Amino acid sequence: MKAANILLLCMLGAALLSTVLCGNMPVDCCFDLFKYRMDKNLFSSYYKTDPRCSSSGIVLITHRKRNICADPSQPWVKNVMNFLDINSF
């Protein structure tokens, strides 16, 4: 009887630990980055991907609420980010 209780307790502990570990995964990561220049007036906002992602990226949000992943080192992406920062006030 005690062995069954210990086994049940270990299974419960493993189940709780797995839910905690799975909850710490990044939600938004960019795996494919958009390569072509786009007009800065198409976008309404942006945000940076989670630092835990394998590669850094910027998610540009269009006025139609579509998300586009872009490379933050590209000059056109920096231009869009500066434009949005200036015009957000």
N, C-alpha and C. Protein backbone atom coordinates (compact mmCIF):
# COMPACT_ATOMS: atom_id res chain seq x y z
N MET A 1 0.82 -1.20 0.00
CA MET A 1 0.00 0.00 0.00
C MET A 1 0.87 1.26 0.00
N LYS A 2 1.94 1.26 0.77
CA LYS A 2 2.80 2.44 0.83
C LYS A 2 3.49 2.67 -0.51
N ALA A 3 3.87 1.64 -1.21
CA ALA A 3 4.54 1.78 -2.50
C ALA A 3 3.58 2.41 -3.51
N ALA A 4 2.31 2.05 -3.46
CA ALA A 4 1.33 2.63 -4.37
C ALA A 4 1.14 4.12 -4.08
N ASN A 5 1.14 4.48 -2.80
CA ASN A 5 1.00 5.89 -2.43
C ASN A 5 2.21 6.72 -2.88
N ILE A 6 3.40 6.15 -2.72
CA ILE A 6 4.62 6.85 -3.15
C ILE A 6 4.62 7.02 -4.67
N LEU A 7 4.22 5.98 -5.38
CA LEU A 7 4.16 6.06 -6.84
C LEU A 7 3.15 7.12 -7.28
N LEU A 8 2.00 7.16 -6.65
CA LEU A 8 0.98 8.16 -6.98
C LEU A 8 1.48 9.57 -6.68
N LEU A 9 2.18 9.74 -5.57
CA LEU A 9 2.74 11.04 -5.21
C LEU A 9 3.81 11.48 -6.22
N CYS A 10 4.64 10.56 -6.68
CA CYS A 10 5.66 10.88 -7.68
C CYS A 10 5.02 11.27 -9.01
N MET A 11 3.97 10.57 -9.39
CA MET A 11 3.28 10.90 -10.65
C MET A 11 2.63 12.28 -10.56
N LEU A 12 2.04 12.59 -9.43
CA LEU A 12 1.43 13.90 -9.24
C LEU A 12 2.49 15.00 -9.27
N GLY A 13 3.62 14.76 -8.63
CA GLY A 13 4.71 15.74 -8.65
C GLY A 13 5.25 15.95 -10.06
N ALA A 14 5.39 14.89 -10.84
CA ALA A 14 5.87 15.01 -12.22
C ALA A 14 4.88 15.79 -13.08
N ALA A 15 3.59 15.56 -12.86
CA ALA A 15 2.57 16.28 -13.62
C ALA A 15 2.60 17.77 -13.29
N LEU A 16 2.74 18.11 -12.03
CA LEU A 16 2.80 19.52 -11.64
C LEU A 16 4.06 20.19 -12.15
N LEU A 17 5.18 19.49 -12.10
CA LEU A 17 6.44 20.04 -12.58
C LEU A 17 6.40 20.27 -14.09
N SER A 18 5.78 19.37 -14.83
CA SER A 18 5.72 19.54 -16.28
C SER A 18 4.87 20.75 -16.67
N THR A 19 3.81 21.04 -15.94
CA THR A 19 3.00 22.21 -16.27
C THR A 19 3.74 23.50 -15.95
N VAL A 20 4.55 23.49 -14.91
CA VAL A 20 5.33 24.68 -14.56
C VAL A 20 6.40 24.92 -15.61
N LEU A 21 7.09 23.88 -16.03
CA LEU A 21 8.16 24.03 -17.01
C LEU A 21 7.62 24.44 -18.37
N CYS A 22 6.47 23.95 -18.75
CA CYS A 22 5.88 24.29 -20.04
C CYS A 22 5.35 25.72 -20.04
N GLY A 23 5.03 26.27 -18.92
CA GLY A 23 4.49 27.62 -18.86
C GLY A 23 5.54 28.70 -19.06
N ASN A 24 6.82 28.35 -19.04
CA ASN A 24 7.88 29.33 -19.18
C ASN A 24 8.42 29.45 -20.60
N MET A 25 7.76 28.87 -21.56
CA MET A 25 8.22 28.93 -22.95
C MET A 25 7.80 30.27 -23.56
N PRO A 26 8.64 30.84 -24.43
CA PRO A 26 8.26 32.09 -25.09
C PRO A 26 7.07 31.88 -26.02
N VAL A 27 6.24 32.89 -26.10
CA VAL A 27 5.02 32.79 -26.90
C VAL A 27 5.26 33.23 -28.33
N ASP A 28 5.87 34.37 -28.52
CA ASP A 28 6.07 34.93 -29.85
C ASP A 28 7.54 34.89 -30.24
N CYS A 29 7.86 34.02 -31.18
CA CYS A 29 9.20 33.97 -31.74
C CYS A 29 9.09 34.07 -33.26
N CYS A 30 10.09 34.66 -33.87
CA CYS A 30 10.14 34.78 -35.32
C CYS A 30 11.07 33.71 -35.87
N PHE A 31 10.56 32.88 -36.76
CA PHE A 31 11.38 31.85 -37.38
C PHE A 31 11.69 32.19 -38.84
N ASP A 32 10.77 32.87 -39.51
CA ASP A 32 10.98 33.34 -40.87
C ASP A 32 10.90 34.86 -40.85
N LEU A 33 11.96 35.52 -41.30
CA LEU A 33 11.99 36.97 -41.30
C LEU A 33 11.67 37.50 -42.69
N PHE A 34 10.83 38.54 -42.74
CA PHE A 34 10.45 39.17 -43.99
C PHE A 34 11.67 39.90 -44.55
N LYS A 35 11.98 39.69 -45.83
CA LYS A 35 13.23 40.19 -46.39
C LYS A 35 13.09 41.47 -47.20
N TYR A 36 11.88 41.81 -47.59
CA TYR A 36 11.70 42.93 -48.52
C TYR A 36 11.28 44.20 -47.80
N ARG A 37 11.74 45.32 -48.33
CA ARG A 37 11.42 46.63 -47.77
C ARG A 37 9.92 46.89 -47.92
N MET A 38 9.33 47.48 -46.88
CA MET A 38 7.92 47.85 -46.92
C MET A 38 7.79 49.31 -46.49
N ASP A 39 6.71 49.92 -46.90
CA ASP A 39 6.45 51.32 -46.58
C ASP A 39 6.15 51.47 -45.09
N LYS A 40 6.75 52.46 -44.46
CA LYS A 40 6.58 52.66 -43.03
C LYS A 40 5.15 53.07 -42.66
N ASN A 41 4.40 53.61 -43.60
CA ASN A 41 3.02 54.03 -43.32
C ASN A 41 2.04 52.86 -43.22
N LEU A 42 2.48 51.66 -43.54
CA LEU A 42 1.61 50.48 -43.45
C LEU A 42 1.47 49.97 -42.03
N PHE A 43 2.34 50.42 -41.12
CA PHE A 43 2.41 49.84 -39.79
C PHE A 43 1.85 50.76 -38.72
N SER A 44 1.24 50.14 -37.72
CA SER A 44 0.67 50.91 -36.61
C SER A 44 1.51 50.79 -35.34
N SER A 45 2.23 49.68 -35.17
CA SER A 45 3.06 49.49 -33.98
C SER A 45 4.03 48.34 -34.21
N TYR A 46 4.85 48.09 -33.21
CA TYR A 46 5.80 46.98 -33.27
C TYR A 46 6.15 46.55 -31.86
N TYR A 47 6.74 45.37 -31.74
CA TYR A 47 7.31 44.92 -30.48
C TYR A 47 8.45 43.95 -30.76
N LYS A 48 9.33 43.81 -29.79
CA LYS A 48 10.47 42.91 -29.91
C LYS A 48 10.07 41.52 -29.45
N THR A 49 10.66 40.52 -30.05
CA THR A 49 10.37 39.15 -29.64
C THR A 49 11.00 38.87 -28.28
N ASP A 50 10.55 37.82 -27.67
CA ASP A 50 11.04 37.42 -26.35
C ASP A 50 12.55 37.11 -26.42
N PRO A 51 13.32 37.55 -25.44
CA PRO A 51 14.77 37.27 -25.46
C PRO A 51 15.11 35.79 -25.40
N ARG A 52 14.17 34.96 -24.97
CA ARG A 52 14.42 33.51 -24.90
C ARG A 52 14.30 32.83 -26.26
N CYS A 53 13.87 33.56 -27.29
CA CYS A 53 13.76 32.98 -28.63
C CYS A 53 15.16 32.72 -29.19
N SER A 54 15.25 31.79 -30.12
CA SER A 54 16.55 31.42 -30.68
C SER A 54 17.17 32.54 -31.51
N SER A 55 16.34 33.35 -32.16
CA SER A 55 16.86 34.49 -32.90
C SER A 55 16.01 35.72 -32.58
N SER A 56 16.67 36.87 -32.55
CA SER A 56 15.92 38.09 -32.23
C SER A 56 15.16 38.57 -33.46
N GLY A 57 14.06 39.22 -33.21
CA GLY A 57 13.25 39.73 -34.30
C GLY A 57 12.36 40.85 -33.82
N ILE A 58 11.80 41.56 -34.78
CA ILE A 58 10.84 42.62 -34.52
C ILE A 58 9.54 42.21 -35.18
N VAL A 59 8.45 42.28 -34.45
CA VAL A 59 7.14 41.99 -35.02
C VAL A 59 6.48 43.33 -35.34
N LEU A 60 6.30 43.59 -36.63
CA LEU A 60 5.66 44.81 -37.09
C LEU A 60 4.17 44.52 -37.27
N ILE A 61 3.32 45.36 -36.72
CA ILE A 61 1.88 45.16 -36.79
C ILE A 61 1.29 46.18 -37.76
N THR A 62 0.57 45.66 -38.75
CA THR A 62 -0.02 46.53 -39.76
C THR A 62 -1.31 47.13 -39.22
N HIS A 63 -1.85 48.09 -39.96
CA HIS A 63 -3.13 48.70 -39.58
C HIS A 63 -4.26 47.69 -39.65
N ARG A 64 -4.08 46.65 -40.44
CA ARG A 64 -5.09 45.58 -40.56
C ARG A 64 -4.86 44.45 -39.56
N LYS A 65 -4.00 44.70 -38.57
CA LYS A 65 -3.72 43.76 -37.46
C LYS A 65 -3.01 42.49 -37.92
N ARG A 66 -2.19 42.59 -38.95
CA ARG A 66 -1.38 41.45 -39.38
C ARG A 66 0.02 41.63 -38.81
N ASN A 67 0.64 40.53 -38.40
CA ASN A 67 1.98 40.55 -37.83
C ASN A 67 3.01 40.12 -38.87
N ILE A 68 4.08 40.90 -38.98
CA ILE A 68 5.16 40.59 -39.90
C ILE A 68 6.46 40.58 -39.11
N CYS A 69 7.18 39.47 -39.16
CA CYS A 69 8.48 39.36 -38.49
C CYS A 69 9.55 39.94 -39.39
N ALA A 70 10.41 40.76 -38.80
CA ALA A 70 11.48 41.40 -39.56
C ALA A 70 12.77 41.37 -38.77
N ASP A 71 13.87 41.51 -39.50
CA ASP A 71 15.20 41.51 -38.91
C ASP A 71 15.51 42.90 -38.34
N PRO A 72 15.77 43.02 -37.05
CA PRO A 72 16.01 44.34 -36.45
C PRO A 72 17.30 45.01 -36.91
N SER A 73 18.19 44.29 -37.56
CA SER A 73 19.43 44.89 -38.03
C SER A 73 19.29 45.52 -39.42
N GLN A 74 18.18 45.28 -40.10
CA GLN A 74 17.96 45.85 -41.43
C GLN A 74 17.67 47.34 -41.32
N PRO A 75 18.23 48.15 -42.20
CA PRO A 75 18.01 49.60 -42.13
C PRO A 75 16.55 50.00 -42.29
N TRP A 76 15.80 49.31 -43.15
CA TRP A 76 14.40 49.69 -43.34
C TRP A 76 13.58 49.40 -42.10
N VAL A 77 13.94 48.34 -41.35
CA VAL A 77 13.21 48.01 -40.12
C VAL A 77 13.52 49.06 -39.06
N LYS A 78 14.78 49.48 -38.96
CA LYS A 78 15.14 50.55 -38.03
C LYS A 78 14.40 51.84 -38.37
N ASN A 79 14.26 52.12 -39.66
CA ASN A 79 13.54 53.31 -40.11
C ASN A 79 12.07 53.25 -39.69
N VAL A 80 11.44 52.09 -39.86
CA VAL A 80 10.04 51.92 -39.46
C VAL A 80 9.90 52.08 -37.95
N MET A 81 10.81 51.49 -37.19
CA MET A 81 10.74 51.59 -35.73
C MET A 81 10.89 53.04 -35.28
N ASN A 82 11.84 53.77 -35.86
CA ASN A 82 12.01 55.18 -35.51
C ASN A 82 10.78 55.99 -35.87
N PHE A 83 10.21 55.73 -37.04
CA PHE A 83 9.01 56.42 -37.48
C PHE A 83 7.85 56.18 -36.51
N LEU A 84 7.67 54.93 -36.10
CA LEU A 84 6.59 54.60 -35.17
C LEU A 84 6.83 55.19 -33.78
N ASP A 85 8.08 55.20 -33.34
CA ASP A 85 8.40 55.79 -32.04
C ASP A 85 8.09 57.28 -32.04
N ILE A 86 8.46 57.97 -33.09
CA ILE A 86 8.22 59.42 -33.18
C ILE A 86 6.74 59.73 -33.26
N ASN A 87 6.00 58.96 -34.03
CA ASN A 87 4.58 59.24 -34.27
C ASN A 87 3.64 58.60 -33.25
N SER A 88 4.17 57.93 -32.25
CA SER A 88 3.29 57.30 -31.26
C SER A 88 2.78 58.25 -30.20
N PHE A 89 3.33 59.47 -30.17
CA PHE A 89 2.91 60.43 -29.14
C PHE A 89 1.83 61.31 -29.63
